[in-house]
Protein backbone atom coordinates (compact mmCIF):
# COMPACT_ATOMS: atom_id res chain seq x y z
CA MET A 1 81.93 -60.38 -33.17
CA CYS A 2 84.35 -58.67 -35.38
CA ALA A 3 86.91 -56.31 -34.21
CA GLU A 4 85.33 -53.43 -36.65
CA ARG A 5 82.05 -54.12 -34.93
CA LEU A 6 83.37 -53.83 -31.38
CA GLN A 7 85.19 -50.87 -31.92
CA ASN A 8 82.42 -48.79 -33.53
CA ARG A 9 79.72 -49.88 -30.89
CA ARG A 10 77.87 -47.29 -29.23
CA MET A 11 79.25 -45.78 -25.83
CA THR A 12 76.97 -47.20 -23.40
CA HIS A 13 76.89 -46.26 -19.60
CA SER A 14 79.33 -48.15 -18.41
CA ARG A 15 81.57 -47.37 -21.05
CA ARG A 16 80.93 -43.62 -20.45
CA THR A 17 81.34 -43.86 -17.09
CA PHE A 18 84.87 -46.01 -17.35
CA PHE A 19 85.85 -42.97 -19.72
CA VAL A 20 84.92 -40.21 -17.06
CA ALA A 21 86.81 -42.10 -14.43
CA SER A 22 90.04 -42.71 -16.70
CA ALA A 23 89.92 -39.14 -17.85
CA GLY A 24 89.37 -37.94 -14.07
CA ALA A 25 92.44 -40.28 -12.66
CA ALA A 26 94.66 -39.25 -15.50
CA LEU A 27 94.02 -35.47 -14.82
CA SER A 28 94.15 -35.80 -11.32
CA ALA A 29 97.29 -37.43 -11.36
CA GLN A 30 98.95 -34.31 -12.86
CA GLU A 31 99.96 -31.60 -10.55
CA THR A 32 98.72 -28.31 -12.35
CA LYS A 33 96.43 -25.68 -11.93
CA PRO A 34 92.73 -26.36 -12.32
CA ASP A 35 91.44 -26.51 -15.71
CA ILE A 36 87.99 -26.63 -17.37
CA PHE A 37 88.76 -30.05 -18.53
CA HIS A 38 89.62 -31.23 -14.62
CA ALA A 39 86.62 -29.42 -13.43
CA ILE A 40 84.18 -31.10 -15.77
CA SER A 41 85.49 -34.30 -15.58
CA SER A 42 85.28 -34.21 -11.77
CA GLY A 43 81.74 -32.96 -12.08
CA ASN A 44 82.90 -29.78 -10.25
CA LEU A 45 80.32 -27.26 -11.50
CA ALA A 46 81.29 -24.38 -8.96
CA LEU A 47 85.04 -24.49 -10.37
CA MET A 48 83.92 -24.82 -14.04
CA THR A 49 81.59 -21.76 -13.61
CA GLN A 50 84.58 -19.53 -11.68
CA LEU A 51 87.02 -20.71 -14.56
CA LEU A 52 84.42 -19.45 -17.31
CA ASP A 53 83.56 -16.19 -15.59
CA ALA A 54 87.09 -15.31 -15.32
CA ASP A 55 87.97 -16.25 -18.93
CA PRO A 56 84.56 -16.87 -21.14
CA GLN A 57 87.15 -17.95 -24.16
CA LEU A 58 87.78 -21.21 -21.95
CA SER A 59 84.48 -22.40 -23.35
CA ARG A 60 86.10 -22.70 -26.95
CA SER A 61 89.54 -24.27 -25.88
CA ARG A 62 90.69 -27.54 -26.88
CA SER A 63 91.93 -30.45 -24.90
CA ALA A 64 95.28 -32.42 -26.16
CA ASP A 65 93.18 -34.70 -27.90
CA GLY A 66 91.15 -31.89 -29.62
CA ARG A 67 88.03 -32.36 -27.57
CA THR A 68 86.01 -29.20 -26.38
CA PRO A 69 84.56 -28.39 -22.85
CA LEU A 70 81.23 -29.10 -24.34
CA HIS A 71 82.46 -32.52 -25.53
CA TYR A 72 83.48 -33.56 -22.20
CA ALA A 73 80.18 -32.05 -20.51
CA CYS A 74 78.49 -34.18 -23.13
CA ALA A 75 80.32 -37.05 -21.96
CA THR A 76 79.49 -37.16 -18.25
CA GLY A 77 75.63 -36.51 -19.19
CA ASN A 78 75.55 -33.27 -16.80
CA LEU A 79 73.02 -31.33 -18.48
CA GLU A 80 73.80 -28.26 -15.94
CA MET A 81 77.25 -28.15 -17.36
CA VAL A 82 76.43 -28.42 -20.96
CA THR A 83 73.71 -25.58 -20.36
CA ARG A 84 76.40 -23.30 -18.66
CA ILE A 85 79.08 -23.94 -21.45
CA VAL A 86 76.56 -23.31 -24.19
CA THR A 87 74.87 -20.00 -22.68
CA ARG A 88 78.49 -18.68 -22.04
CA GLY A 89 80.45 -19.59 -25.02
């Protein structure tokens, strides 16, 4: 299989799980205040909701790599998180 095809293949469940686990590990290694991206990556719906209630503009924020909270929620496959971000944003 050529390298170009390997890079452009669809994200399977196992690749998505690896991505989420890697993102969560990288975020948890940093000692900072809780942010929306960490809450979503770790699957913490209560914290995500609390952060959005405090600052609704967080739903439009961007991570260091340019992704929004909605991108993170879709990558985790958590429908409840996606719904809350969309309704609050």
